Amino acid sequence: MTRFKQTAPTFILPRVLQDLVWAITQAQTLEQLSAVLLSIPEKCNMLHVVYYFSGLGDKLLNPSNFTCTSYPVEWQKRYYMQDYMHVDPVMQRSLQSSLPFEWQQLEIEKIRRVIKF
């Protein structure tokens, strides 16, 4: 079981957030949406960003679902080839809520699940 601890979120200037929200609402293609999402780390002083549509029903956790991430391609390939999405505490958290969260908010209780990761 994964528990969540409360931490102070990354501070994002209101104008930056407003601009990002506006740009997301203006995106008309997945390519445009990806461009906006990939600008988040630089604009918000973050290392990486991941947006993953987890899907529904038999498409749940399907690697072919829409994903946008700033992680290197080699890491993405390894992640999918090793089927990490089924043991990743971040994925487990994202399946519980559609709200954004920072990974530092996760507190891992069962280390056995993390060892696989």
PDB file of N, CA and C in Angstrom:
ATOM      1  N   MET A   1       0.839  -1.179   0.000  1.00  0.00           N
ATOM      2  CA  MET A   1       0.000   0.000   0.000  1.00  0.00           C
ATOM      3  C   MET A   1       0.888   1.247   0.000  1.00  0.00           C
ATOM      4  N   THR A   2       0.524   2.233  -0.749  1.00  0.00           N
ATOM      5  CA  THR A   2       1.259   3.487  -0.815  1.00  0.00           C
ATOM      6  C   THR A   2       0.513   4.535   0.001  1.00  0.00           C
ATOM      7  N   ARG A   3       1.225   5.202   0.889  1.00  0.00           N
ATOM      8  CA  ARG A   3       0.642   6.308   1.640  1.00  0.00           C
ATOM      9  C   ARG A   3       1.128   7.601   1.041  1.00  0.00           C
ATOM     10  N   PHE A   4       0.367   8.647   1.226  1.00  0.00           N
ATOM     11  CA  PHE A   4       0.741   9.945   0.691  1.00  0.00           C
ATOM     12  C   PHE A   4       1.023  10.896   1.826  1.00  0.00           C
ATOM     13  N   LYS A   5       2.120  11.596   1.743  1.00  0.00           N
ATOM     14  CA  LYS A   5       2.420  12.604   2.751  1.00  0.00           C
ATOM     15  C   LYS A   5       2.248  13.974   2.117  1.00  0.00           C
ATOM     16  N   GLN A   6       1.885  14.916   2.922  1.00  0.00           N
ATOM     17  CA  GLN A   6       1.681  16.270   2.440  1.00  0.00           C
ATOM     18  C   GLN A   6       3.007  17.019   2.450  1.00  0.00           C
ATOM     19  N   THR A   7       3.349  17.618   1.357  1.00  0.00           N
ATOM     20  CA  THR A   7       4.530  18.462   1.271  1.00  0.00           C
ATOM     21  C   THR A   7       4.138  19.732   0.543  1.00  0.00           C
ATOM     22  N   ALA A   8       4.949  20.730   0.715  1.00  0.00           N
ATOM     23  CA  ALA A   8       4.669  21.983   0.004  1.00  0.00           C
ATOM     24  C   ALA A   8       4.882  21.760  -1.484  1.00  0.00           C
ATOM     25  N   PRO A   9       3.929  22.132  -2.310  1.00  0.00           N
ATOM     26  CA  PRO A   9       4.093  21.948  -3.758  1.00  0.00           C
ATOM     27  C   PRO A   9       5.113  22.933  -4.329  1.00  0.00           C
ATOM     28  N   THR A  10       5.582  22.624  -5.515  1.00  0.00           N
ATOM     29  CA  THR A  10       6.457  23.544  -6.219  1.00  0.00           C
ATOM     30  C   THR A  10       5.692  24.839  -6.449  1.00  0.00           C
ATOM     31  N   PHE A  11       6.321  25.940  -6.168  1.00  0.00           N
ATOM     32  CA  PHE A  11       5.661  27.229  -6.352  1.00  0.00           C
ATOM     33  C   PHE A  11       5.732  27.618  -7.827  1.00  0.00           C
ATOM     34  N   ILE A  12       4.583  27.869  -8.393  1.00  0.00           N
ATOM     35  CA  ILE A  12       4.493  28.301  -9.787  1.00  0.00           C
ATOM     36  C   ILE A  12       3.862  29.689  -9.784  1.00  0.00           C
ATOM     37  N   LEU A  13       4.537  30.617 -10.406  1.00  0.00           N
ATOM     38  CA  LEU A  13       3.998  31.976 -10.465  1.00  0.00           C
ATOM     39  C   LEU A  13       2.621  31.973 -11.123  1.00  0.00           C
ATOM     40  N   PRO A  14       1.675  32.713 -10.569  1.00  0.00           N
ATOM     41  CA  PRO A  14       0.317  32.724 -11.120  1.00  0.00           C
ATOM     42  C   PRO A  14       0.271  33.029 -12.622  1.00  0.00           C
ATOM     43  N   ARG A  15       1.090  33.964 -13.085  1.00  0.00           N
ATOM     44  CA  ARG A  15       1.075  34.310 -14.510  1.00  0.00           C
ATOM     45  C   ARG A  15       1.556  33.140 -15.366  1.00  0.00           C
ATOM     46  N   VAL A  16       2.569  32.433 -14.883  1.00  0.00           N
ATOM     47  CA  VAL A  16       3.077  31.262 -15.605  1.00  0.00           C
ATOM     48  C   VAL A  16       1.988  30.199 -15.669  1.00  0.00           C
ATOM     49  N   LEU A  17       1.349  29.947 -14.551  1.00  0.00           N
ATOM     50  CA  LEU A  17       0.272  28.959 -14.520  1.00  0.00           C
ATOM     51  C   LEU A  17      -0.869  29.366 -15.447  1.00  0.00           C
ATOM     52  N   GLN A  18      -1.239  30.623 -15.404  1.00  0.00           N
ATOM     53  CA  GLN A  18      -2.308  31.125 -16.278  1.00  0.00           C
ATOM     54  C   GLN A  18      -1.938  30.931 -17.746  1.00  0.00           C
ATOM     55  N   ASP A  19      -0.702  31.237 -18.097  1.00  0.00           N
ATOM     56  CA  ASP A  19      -0.252  31.064 -19.484  1.00  0.00           C
ATOM     57  C   ASP A  19      -0.270  29.593 -19.902  1.00  0.00           C
ATOM     58  N   LEU A  20       0.139  28.715 -18.993  1.00  0.00           N
ATOM     59  CA  LEU A  20       0.128  27.277 -19.305  1.00  0.00           C
ATOM     60  C   LEU A  20      -1.290  26.763 -19.500  1.00  0.00           C
ATOM     61  N   VAL A  21      -2.176  27.151 -18.625  1.00  0.00           N
ATOM     62  CA  VAL A  21      -3.574  26.712 -18.751  1.00  0.00           C
ATOM     63  C   VAL A  21      -4.161  27.219 -20.061  1.00  0.00           C
ATOM     64  N   TRP A  22      -3.898  28.468 -20.386  1.00  0.00           N
ATOM     65  CA  TRP A  22      -4.399  29.023 -21.647  1.00  0.00           C
ATOM     66  C   TRP A  22      -3.844  28.238 -22.833  1.00  0.00           C
ATOM     67  N   ALA A  23      -2.538  27.964 -22.818  1.00  0.00           N
ATOM     68  CA  ALA A  23      -1.910  27.242 -23.931  1.00  0.00           C
ATOM     69  C   ALA A  23      -2.479  25.828 -24.067  1.00  0.00           C
ATOM     70  N   ILE A  24      -2.735  25.175 -22.937  1.00  0.00           N
ATOM     71  CA  ILE A  24      -3.315  23.828 -22.979  1.00  0.00           C
ATOM     72  C   ILE A  24      -4.708  23.872 -23.589  1.00  0.00           C
ATOM     73  N   THR A  25      -5.499  24.855 -23.205  1.00  0.00           N
ATOM     74  CA  THR A  25      -6.860  24.938 -23.751  1.00  0.00           C
ATOM     75  C   THR A  25      -6.865  25.295 -25.237  1.00  0.00           C
ATOM     76  N   GLN A  26      -5.797  25.922 -25.716  1.00  0.00           N
ATOM     77  CA  GLN A  26      -5.711  26.302 -27.131  1.00  0.00           C
ATOM     78  C   GLN A  26      -5.176  25.179 -28.017  1.00  0.00           C
ATOM     79  N   ALA A  27      -4.551  24.187 -27.409  1.00  0.00           N
ATOM     80  CA  ALA A  27      -3.977  23.081 -28.195  1.00  0.00           C
ATOM     81  C   ALA A  27      -5.088  22.335 -28.932  1.00  0.00           C
ATOM     82  N   GLN A  28      -4.883  22.155 -30.220  1.00  0.00           N
ATOM     83  CA  GLN A  28      -5.895  21.476 -31.033  1.00  0.00           C
ATOM     84  C   GLN A  28      -5.426  20.114 -31.525  1.00  0.00           C
ATOM     85  N   THR A  29      -4.165  19.798 -31.300  1.00  0.00           N
ATOM     86  CA  THR A  29      -3.625  18.491 -31.688  1.00  0.00           C
ATOM     87  C   THR A  29      -2.790  17.953 -30.531  1.00  0.00           C
ATOM     88  N   LEU A  30      -2.519  16.655 -30.559  1.00  0.00           N
ATOM     89  CA  LEU A  30      -1.655  16.067 -29.533  1.00  0.00           C
ATOM     90  C   LEU A  30      -0.247  16.633 -29.610  1.00  0.00           C
ATOM     91  N   GLU A  31       0.192  16.993 -30.799  1.00  0.00           N
ATOM     92  CA  GLU A  31       1.521  17.594 -30.950  1.00  0.00           C
ATOM     93  C   GLU A  31       1.583  18.956 -30.264  1.00  0.00           C
ATOM     94  N   GLN A  32       0.538  19.746 -30.426  1.00  0.00           N
ATOM     95  CA  GLN A  32       0.493  21.047 -29.760  1.00  0.00           C
ATOM     96  C   GLN A  32       0.412  20.883 -28.243  1.00  0.00           C
ATOM     97  N   LEU A  33      -0.395  19.947 -27.799  1.00  0.00           N
ATOM     98  CA  LEU A  33      -0.494  19.678 -26.370  1.00  0.00           C
ATOM     99  C   LEU A  33       0.860  19.222 -25.822  1.00  0.00           C
ATOM    100  N   SER A  34       1.522  18.343 -26.541  1.00  0.00           N
ATOM    101  CA  SER A  34       2.837  17.859 -26.118  1.00  0.00           C
ATOM    102  C   SER A  34       3.837  19.001 -25.989  1.00  0.00           C
ATOM    103  N   ALA A  35       3.824  19.912 -26.936  1.00  0.00           N
ATOM    104  CA  ALA A  35       4.751  21.048 -26.893  1.00  0.00           C
ATOM    105  C   ALA A  35       4.530  21.885 -25.635  1.00  0.00           C
ATOM    106  N   VAL A  36       3.278  22.102 -25.291  1.00  0.00           N
ATOM    107  CA  VAL A  36       2.976  22.868 -24.077  1.00  0.00           C
ATOM    108  C   VAL A  36       3.437  22.096 -22.845  1.00  0.00           C
ATOM    109  N   LEU A  37       3.089  20.820 -22.781  1.00  0.00           N
ATOM    110  CA  LEU A  37       3.453  20.011 -21.618  1.00  0.00           C
ATOM    111  C   LEU A  37       4.964  19.927 -21.444  1.00  0.00           C
ATOM    112  N   LEU A  38       5.681  19.799 -22.549  1.00  0.00           N
ATOM    113  CA  LEU A  38       7.136  19.690 -22.465  1.00  0.00           C
ATOM    114  C   LEU A  38       7.814  20.998 -22.080  1.00  0.00           C
ATOM    115  N   SER A  39       7.074  22.103 -22.123  1.00  0.00           N
ATOM    116  CA  SER A  39       7.634  23.383 -21.682  1.00  0.00           C
ATOM    117  C   SER A  39       7.517  23.569 -20.167  1.00  0.00           C
ATOM    118  N   ILE A  40       6.749  22.728 -19.506  1.00  0.00           N
ATOM    119  CA  ILE A  40       6.499  22.886 -18.075  1.00  0.00           C
ATOM    120  C   ILE A  40       7.770  22.817 -17.223  1.00  0.00           C
ATOM    121  N   PRO A  41       8.658  21.839 -17.417  1.00  0.00           N
ATOM    122  CA  PRO A  41       9.848  21.801 -16.548  1.00  0.00           C
ATOM    123  C   PRO A  41      10.650  23.103 -16.553  1.00  0.00           C
ATOM    124  N   GLU A  42      10.878  23.661 -17.714  1.00  0.00           N
ATOM    125  CA  GLU A  42      11.652  24.902 -17.795  1.00  0.00           C
ATOM    126  C   GLU A  42      10.905  26.071 -17.153  1.00  0.00           C
ATOM    127  N   LYS A  43       9.628  26.175 -17.425  1.00  0.00           N
ATOM    128  CA  LYS A  43       8.846  27.302 -16.921  1.00  0.00           C
ATOM    129  C   LYS A  43       8.550  27.207 -15.424  1.00  0.00           C
ATOM    130  N   CYS A  44       8.560  25.998 -14.894  1.00  0.00           N
ATOM    131  CA  CYS A  44       8.148  25.794 -13.504  1.00  0.00           C
ATOM    132  C   CYS A  44       9.272  25.261 -12.607  1.00  0.00           C
ATOM    133  N   ASN A  45      10.481  25.289 -13.105  1.00  0.00           N
ATOM    134  CA  ASN A  45      11.637  24.852 -12.319  1.00  0.00           C
ATOM    135  C   ASN A  45      11.493  23.407 -11.835  1.00  0.00           C
ATOM    136  N   MET A  46      11.157  22.527 -12.762  1.00  0.00           N
ATOM    137  CA  MET A  46      11.018  21.100 -12.470  1.00  0.00           C
ATOM    138  C   MET A  46      12.027  20.338 -13.316  1.00  0.00           C
ATOM    139  N   LEU A  47      12.338  19.127 -12.892  1.00  0.00           N
ATOM    140  CA  LEU A  47      13.264  18.308 -13.672  1.00  0.00           C
ATOM    141  C   LEU A  47      12.567  17.659 -14.867  1.00  0.00           C
ATOM    142  N   HIS A  48      11.405  17.074 -14.611  1.00  0.00           N
ATOM    143  CA  HIS A  48      10.701  16.352 -15.667  1.00  0.00           C
ATOM    144  C   HIS A  48       9.203  16.529 -15.501  1.00  0.00           C
ATOM    145  N   VAL A  49       8.513  16.196 -16.561  1.00  0.00           N
ATOM    146  CA  VAL A  49       7.058  16.174 -16.534  1.00  0.00           C
ATOM    147  C   VAL A  49       6.612  14.913 -17.265  1.00  0.00           C
ATOM    148  N   VAL A  50       5.519  14.354 -16.780  1.00  0.00           N
ATOM    149  CA  VAL A  50       4.920  13.191 -17.437  1.00  0.00           C
ATOM    150  C   VAL A  50       3.420  13.410 -17.480  1.00  0.00           C
ATOM    151  N   TYR A  51       2.861  13.263 -18.662  1.00  0.00           N
ATOM    152  CA  TYR A  51       1.411  13.220 -18.801  1.00  0.00           C
ATOM    153  C   TYR A  51       1.118  11.901 -19.485  1.00  0.00           C
ATOM    154  N   TYR A  52       0.310  11.097 -18.846  1.00  0.00           N
ATOM    155  CA  TYR A  52      -0.017   9.784 -19.398  1.00  0.00           C
ATOM    156  C   TYR A  52      -1.514   9.577 -19.294  1.00  0.00           C
ATOM    157  N   PHE A  53      -2.147   9.269 -20.417  1.00  0.00           N
ATOM    158  CA  PHE A  53      -3.556   8.914 -20.397  1.00  0.00           C
ATOM    159  C   PHE A  53      -3.624   7.422 -20.119  1.00  0.00           C
ATOM    160  N   SER A  54      -4.097   7.051 -18.927  1.00  0.00           N
ATOM    161  CA  SER A  54      -4.052   5.647 -18.512  1.00  0.00           C
ATOM    162  C   SER A  54      -5.076   4.773 -19.221  1.00  0.00           C
ATOM    163  N   GLY A  55      -6.071   5.366 -19.837  1.00  0.00           N
ATOM    164  CA  GLY A  55      -7.040   4.591 -20.597  1.00  0.00           C
ATOM    165  C   GLY A  55      -8.188   4.078 -19.743  1.00  0.00           C
ATOM    166  N   LEU A  56      -9.071   3.339 -20.398  1.00  0.00           N
ATOM    167  CA  LEU A  56     -10.248   2.790 -19.751  1.00  0.00           C
ATOM    168  C   LEU A  56     -10.432   1.332 -20.147  1.00  0.00           C
ATOM    169  N   GLY A  57     -11.051   0.560 -19.278  1.00  0.00           N
ATOM    170  CA  GLY A  57     -11.373  -0.825 -19.597  1.00  0.00           C
ATOM    171  C   GLY A  57     -10.167  -1.639 -20.016  1.00  0.00           C
ATOM    172  N   ASP A  58     -10.282  -2.318 -21.181  1.00  0.00           N
ATOM    173  CA  ASP A  58      -9.177  -3.164 -21.636  1.00  0.00           C
ATOM    174  C   ASP A  58      -7.987  -2.353 -22.141  1.00  0.00           C
ATOM    175  N   LYS A  59      -8.136  -1.046 -22.260  1.00  0.00           N
ATOM    176  CA  LYS A  59      -7.034  -0.164 -22.676  1.00  0.00           C
ATOM    177  C   LYS A  59      -6.301   0.413 -21.462  1.00  0.00           C
ATOM    178  N   LEU A  60      -6.708   0.037 -20.242  1.00  0.00           N
ATOM    179  CA  LEU A  60      -6.075   0.552 -19.034  1.00  0.00           C
ATOM    180  C   LEU A  60      -4.607   0.135 -18.991  1.00  0.00           C
ATOM    181  N   LEU A  61      -3.735   1.091 -18.764  1.00  0.00           N
ATOM    182  CA  LEU A  61      -2.290   0.892 -18.679  1.00  0.00           C
ATOM    183  C   LEU A  61      -1.707   0.268 -19.945  1.00  0.00           C
ATOM    184  N   ASN A  62      -2.220   0.659 -21.054  1.00  0.00           N
ATOM    185  CA  ASN A  62      -1.699   0.197 -22.337  1.00  0.00           C
ATOM    186  C   ASN A  62      -0.595   1.161 -22.785  1.00  0.00           C
ATOM    187  N   PRO A  63       0.628   0.660 -23.044  1.00  0.00           N
ATOM    188  CA  PRO A  63       1.722   1.554 -23.441  1.00  0.00           C
ATOM    189  C   PRO A  63       1.447   2.391 -24.686  1.00  0.00           C
ATOM    190  N   SER A  64       0.477   1.995 -25.495  1.00  0.00           N
ATOM    191  CA  SER A  64       0.180   2.767 -26.703  1.00  0.00           C
ATOM    192  C   SER A  64      -0.728   3.966 -26.418  1.00  0.00           C
ATOM    193  N   ASN A  65      -1.201   4.099 -25.176  1.00  0.00           N
ATOM    194  CA  ASN A  65      -2.011   5.271 -24.818  1.00  0.00           C
ATOM    195  C   ASN A  65      -1.151   6.527 -24.916  1.00  0.00           C
ATOM    196  N   PHE A  66      -1.801   7.674 -25.046  1.00  0.00           N
ATOM    197  CA  PHE A  66      -1.075   8.932 -25.193  1.00  0.00           C
ATOM    198  C   PHE A  66      -0.173   9.191 -23.988  1.00  0.00           C
ATOM    199  N   THR A  67       1.091   9.424 -24.263  1.00  0.00           N
ATOM    200  CA  THR A  67       2.081   9.747 -23.239  1.00  0.00           C
ATOM    201  C   THR A  67       2.900  10.931 -23.716  1.00  0.00           C
ATOM    202  N   CYS A  68       3.157  11.846 -22.817  1.00  0.00           N
ATOM    203  CA  CYS A  68       4.053  12.965 -23.103  1.00  0.00           C
ATOM    204  C   CYS A  68       4.989  13.077 -21.908  1.00  0.00           C
ATOM    205  N   THR A  69       6.275  12.939 -22.128  1.00  0.00           N
ATOM    206  CA  THR A  69       7.234  12.983 -21.038  1.00  0.00           C
ATOM    207  C   THR A  69       8.543  13.618 -21.483  1.00  0.00           C
ATOM    208  N   SER A  70       9.197  14.238 -20.528  1.00  0.00           N
ATOM    209  CA  SER A  70      10.503  14.834 -20.815  1.00  0.00           C
ATOM    210  C   SER A  70      11.639  13.869 -20.473  1.00  0.00           C
ATOM    211  N   TYR A  71      11.313  12.663 -20.047  1.00  0.00           N
ATOM    212  CA  TYR A  71      12.355  11.672 -19.777  1.00  0.00           C
ATOM    213  C   TYR A  71      12.999  11.218 -21.082  1.00  0.00           C
ATOM    214  N   PRO A  72      14.276  10.825 -21.024  1.00  0.00           N
ATOM    215  CA  PRO A  72      14.973  10.371 -22.239  1.00  0.00           C
ATOM    216  C   PRO A  72      14.277   9.156 -22.860  1.00  0.00           C
ATOM    217  N   VAL A  73      14.351   9.052 -24.158  1.00  0.00           N
ATOM    218  CA  VAL A  73      13.709   7.963 -24.900  1.00  0.00           C
ATOM    219  C   VAL A  73      14.196   6.603 -24.416  1.00  0.00           C
ATOM    220  N   GLU A  74      15.483   6.475 -24.122  1.00  0.00           N
ATOM    221  CA  GLU A  74      16.011   5.183 -23.651  1.00  0.00           C
ATOM    222  C   GLU A  74      15.347   4.758 -22.342  1.00  0.00           C
ATOM    223  N   TRP A  75      15.133   5.709 -21.445  1.00  0.00           N
ATOM    224  CA  TRP A  75      14.465   5.375 -20.190  1.00  0.00           C
ATOM    225  C   TRP A  75      13.015   4.969 -20.467  1.00  0.00           C
ATOM    226  N   GLN A  76      12.341   5.662 -21.360  1.00  0.00           N
ATOM    227  CA  GLN A  76      10.961   5.314 -21.689  1.00  0.00           C
ATOM    228  C   GLN A  76      10.878   3.894 -22.239  1.00  0.00           C
ATOM    229  N   LYS A  77      11.792   3.527 -23.130  1.00  0.00           N
ATOM    230  CA  LYS A  77      11.798   2.169 -23.697  1.00  0.00           C
ATOM    231  C   LYS A  77      11.972   1.125 -22.596  1.00  0.00           C
ATOM    232  N   ARG A  78      12.928   1.371 -21.708  1.00  0.00           N
ATOM    233  CA  ARG A  78      13.175   0.427 -20.609  1.00  0.00           C
ATOM    234  C   ARG A  78      11.938   0.325 -19.713  1.00  0.00           C
ATOM    235  N   TYR A  79      11.340   1.456 -19.411  1.00  0.00           N
ATOM    236  CA  TYR A  79      10.159   1.498 -18.548  1.00  0.00           C
ATOM    237  C   TYR A  79       9.056   0.595 -19.109  1.00  0.00           C
ATOM    238  N   TYR A  80       8.777   0.717 -20.397  1.00  0.00           N
ATOM    239  CA  TYR A  80       7.722  -0.092 -21.006  1.00  0.00           C
ATOM    240  C   TYR A  80       8.148  -1.545 -21.204  1.00  0.00           C
ATOM    241  N   MET A  81       9.374  -1.769 -21.604  1.00  0.00           N
ATOM    242  CA  MET A  81       9.840  -3.150 -21.825  1.00  0.00           C
ATOM    243  C   MET A  81       9.871  -3.950 -20.525  1.00  0.00           C
ATOM    244  N   GLN A  82      10.203  -3.295 -19.422  1.00  0.00           N
ATOM    245  CA  GLN A  82      10.250  -3.971 -18.126  1.00  0.00           C
ATOM    246  C   GLN A  82       8.892  -3.978 -17.419  1.00  0.00           C
ATOM    247  N   ASP A  83       7.896  -3.380 -18.060  1.00  0.00           N
ATOM    248  CA  ASP A  83       6.534  -3.348 -17.523  1.00  0.00           C
ATOM    249  C   ASP A  83       6.479  -2.662 -16.156  1.00  0.00           C
ATOM    250  N   TYR A  84       7.301  -1.624 -15.983  1.00  0.00           N
ATOM    251  CA  TYR A  84       7.362  -0.904 -14.712  1.00  0.00           C
ATOM    252  C   TYR A  84       6.044  -0.241 -14.344  1.00  0.00           C
ATOM    253  N   MET A  85       5.223   0.071 -15.322  1.00  0.00           N
ATOM    254  CA  MET A  85       3.997   0.806 -15.020  1.00  0.00           C
ATOM    255  C   MET A  85       3.098   0.050 -14.041  1.00  0.00           C
ATOM    256  N   HIS A  86       3.268  -1.270 -13.940  1.00  0.00           N
ATOM    257  CA  HIS A  86       2.424  -2.051 -13.042  1.00  0.00           C
ATOM    258  C   HIS A  86       2.946  -2.084 -11.609  1.00  0.00           C
ATOM    259  N   VAL A  87       4.170  -1.623 -11.371  1.00  0.00           N
ATOM    260  CA  VAL A  87       4.719  -1.576 -10.016  1.00  0.00           C
ATOM    261  C   VAL A  87       5.139  -0.168  -9.612  1.00  0.00           C
ATOM    262  N   ASP A  88       5.052   0.762 -10.510  1.00  0.00           N
ATOM    263  CA  ASP A  88       5.473   2.138 -10.275  1.00  0.00           C
ATOM    264  C   ASP A  88       4.509   2.824  -9.294  1.00  0.00           C
ATOM    265  N   PRO A  89       5.011   3.285  -8.135  1.00  0.00           N
ATOM    266  CA  PRO A  89       4.125   3.948  -7.180  1.00  0.00           C
ATOM    267  C   PRO A  89       3.493   5.226  -7.740  1.00  0.00           C
ATOM    268  N   VAL A  90       4.154   5.868  -8.670  1.00  0.00           N
ATOM    269  CA  VAL A  90       3.591   7.065  -9.292  1.00  0.00           C
ATOM    270  C   VAL A  90       2.360   6.683 -10.119  1.00  0.00           C
ATOM    271  N   MET A  91       2.465   5.594 -10.858  1.00  0.00           N
ATOM    272  CA  MET A  91       1.311   5.133 -11.649  1.00  0.00           C
ATOM    273  C   MET A  91       0.168   4.731 -10.724  1.00  0.00           C
ATOM    274  N   GLN A  92       0.487   4.049  -9.637  1.00  0.00           N
ATOM    275  CA  GLN A  92      -0.551   3.641  -8.699  1.00  0.00           C
ATOM    276  C   GLN A  92      -1.272   4.862  -8.142  1.00  0.00           C
ATOM    277  N   ARG A  93      -0.530   5.905  -7.821  1.00  0.00           N
ATOM    278  CA  ARG A  93      -1.134   7.142  -7.306  1.00  0.00           C
ATOM    279  C   ARG A  93      -2.002   7.807  -8.370  1.00  0.00           C
ATOM    280  N   SER A  94      -1.515   7.812  -9.588  1.00  0.00           N
ATOM    281  CA  SER A  94      -2.265   8.477 -10.651  1.00  0.00           C
ATOM    282  C   SER A  94      -3.560   7.748 -10.992  1.00  0.00           C
ATOM    283  N   LEU A  95      -3.629   6.460 -10.706  1.00  0.00           N
ATOM    284  CA  LEU A  95      -4.869   5.718 -10.942  1.00  0.00           C
ATOM    285  C   LEU A  95      -5.916   6.015  -9.863  1.00  0.00           C
ATOM    286  N   GLN A  96      -5.473   6.565  -8.738  1.00  0.00           N
ATOM    287  CA  GLN A  96      -6.385   6.877  -7.641  1.00  0.00           C
ATOM    288  C   GLN A  96      -6.990   8.267  -7.757  1.00  0.00           C
ATOM    289  N   SER A  97      -6.344   9.149  -8.515  1.00  0.00           N
ATOM    290  CA  SER A  97      -6.823  10.525  -8.621  1.00  0.00           C
ATOM    291  C   SER A  97      -6.324  11.143  -9.922  1.00  0.00           C
ATOM    292  N   SER A  98      -7.138  11.994 -10.494  1.00  0.00           N
ATOM    293  CA  SER A  98      -6.722  12.668 -11.729  1.00  0.00           C
ATOM    294  C   SER A  98      -6.055  14.011 -11.446  1.00  0.00           C
ATOM    295  N   LEU A  99      -5.927  14.360 -10.173  1.00  0.00           N
ATOM    296  CA  LEU A  99      -5.303  15.630  -9.820  1.00  0.00           C
ATOM    297  C   LEU A  99      -3.783  15.548  -9.962  1.00  0.00           C
ATOM    298  N   PRO A 100      -3.143  16.641 -10.348  1.00  0.00           N
ATOM    299  CA  PRO A 100      -1.681  16.639 -10.432  1.00  0.00           C
ATOM    300  C   PRO A 100      -1.066  16.466  -9.041  1.00  0.00           C
ATOM    301  N   PHE A 101       0.119  15.892  -9.001  1.00  0.00           N
ATOM    302  CA  PHE A 101       0.834  15.750  -7.731  1.00  0.00           C
ATOM    303  C   PHE A 101       2.326  15.710  -8.013  1.00  0.00           C
ATOM    304  N   GLU A 102       3.088  16.001  -6.979  1.00  0.00           N
ATOM    305  CA  GLU A 102       4.541  15.919  -7.094  1.00  0.00           C
ATOM    306  C   GLU A 102       4.993  14.584  -6.536  1.00  0.00           C
ATOM    307  N   TRP A 103       5.951  13.988  -7.188  1.00  0.00           N
ATOM    308  CA  TRP A 103       6.387  12.654  -6.792  1.00  0.00           C
ATOM    309  C   TRP A 103       6.941  12.619  -5.386  1.00  0.00           C
ATOM    310  N   GLN A 104       7.478  13.732  -4.908  1.00  0.00           N
ATOM    311  CA  GLN A 104       8.002  13.756  -3.547  1.00  0.00           C
ATOM    312  C   GLN A 104       6.894  13.592  -2.517  1.00  0.00           C
ATOM    313  N   GLN A 105       5.643  13.702  -2.936  1.00  0.00           N
ATOM    314  CA  GLN A 105       4.523  13.507  -2.025  1.00  0.00           C
ATOM    315  C   GLN A 105       4.302  12.031  -1.703  1.00  0.00           C
ATOM    316  N   LEU A 106       4.887  11.137  -2.476  1.00  0.00           N
ATOM    317  CA  LEU A 106       4.679   9.710  -2.258  1.00  0.00           C
ATOM    318  C   LEU A 106       5.570   9.213  -1.132  1.00  0.00           C
ATOM    319  N   GLU A 107       4.987   8.417  -0.284  1.00  0.00           N
ATOM    320  CA  GLU A 107       5.746   7.761   0.769  1.00  0.00           C
ATOM    321  C   GLU A 107       5.525   6.265   0.579  1.00  0.00           C
ATOM    322  N   ILE A 108       6.568   5.565   0.274  1.00  0.00           N
ATOM    323  CA  ILE A 108       6.449   4.154  -0.048  1.00  0.00           C
ATOM    324  C   ILE A 108       6.498   3.324   1.225  1.00  0.00           C
ATOM    325  N   GLU A 109       5.481   2.495   1.425  1.00  0.00           N
ATOM    326  CA  GLU A 109       5.451   1.647   2.616  1.00  0.00           C
ATOM    327  C   GLU A 109       5.973   0.249   2.336  1.00  0.00           C
ATOM    328  N   LYS A 110       5.629  -0.326   1.215  1.00  0.00           N
ATOM    329  CA  LYS A 110       6.047  -1.693   0.921  1.00  0.00           C
ATOM    330  C   LYS A 110       7.257  -1.664   0.006  1.00  0.00           C
ATOM    331  N   ILE A 111       8.413  -1.837   0.580  1.00  0.00           N
ATOM    332  CA  ILE A 111       9.651  -1.761  -0.184  1.00  0.00           C
ATOM    333  C   ILE A 111       9.751  -2.897  -1.204  1.00  0.00           C
ATOM    334  N   ARG A 112       9.074  -4.017  -0.973  1.00  0.00           N
ATOM    335  CA  ARG A 112       9.127  -5.132  -1.930  1.00  0.00           C
ATOM    336  C   ARG A 112       8.662  -4.712  -3.311  1.00  0.00           C
ATOM    337  N   ARG A 113       7.649  -3.872  -3.381  1.00  0.00           N
ATOM    338  CA  ARG A 113       7.135  -3.418  -4.669  1.00  0.00           C
ATOM    339  C   ARG A 113       8.132  -2.500  -5.335  1.00  0.00           C
ATOM    340  N   VAL A 114       8.865  -1.737  -4.569  1.00  0.00           N
ATOM    341  CA  VAL A 114       9.820  -0.776  -5.122  1.00  0.00           C
ATOM    342  C   VAL A 114      11.044  -1.491  -5.656  1.00  0.00           C
ATOM    343  N   ILE A 115      11.425  -2.610  -5.024  1.00  0.00           N
ATOM    344  CA  ILE A 115      12.609  -3.349  -5.471  1.00  0.00           C
ATOM    345  C   ILE A 115      12.446  -3.778  -6.919  1.00  0.00           C
ATOM    346  N   LYS A 116      11.264  -4.176  -7.318  1.00  0.00           N
ATOM    347  CA  LYS A 116      11.003  -4.549  -8.701  1.00  0.00           C
ATOM    348  C   LYS A 116      11.235  -3.362  -9.633  1.00  0.00           C
ATOM    349  N   PHE A 117      10.932  -2.185  -9.137  1.00  0.00           N
ATOM    350  CA  PHE A 117      11.033  -0.983  -9.935  1.00  0.00           C
ATOM    351  C   PHE A 117      12.487  -0.598 -10.099  1.00  0.00           C
TER     352      PHE A 117
END
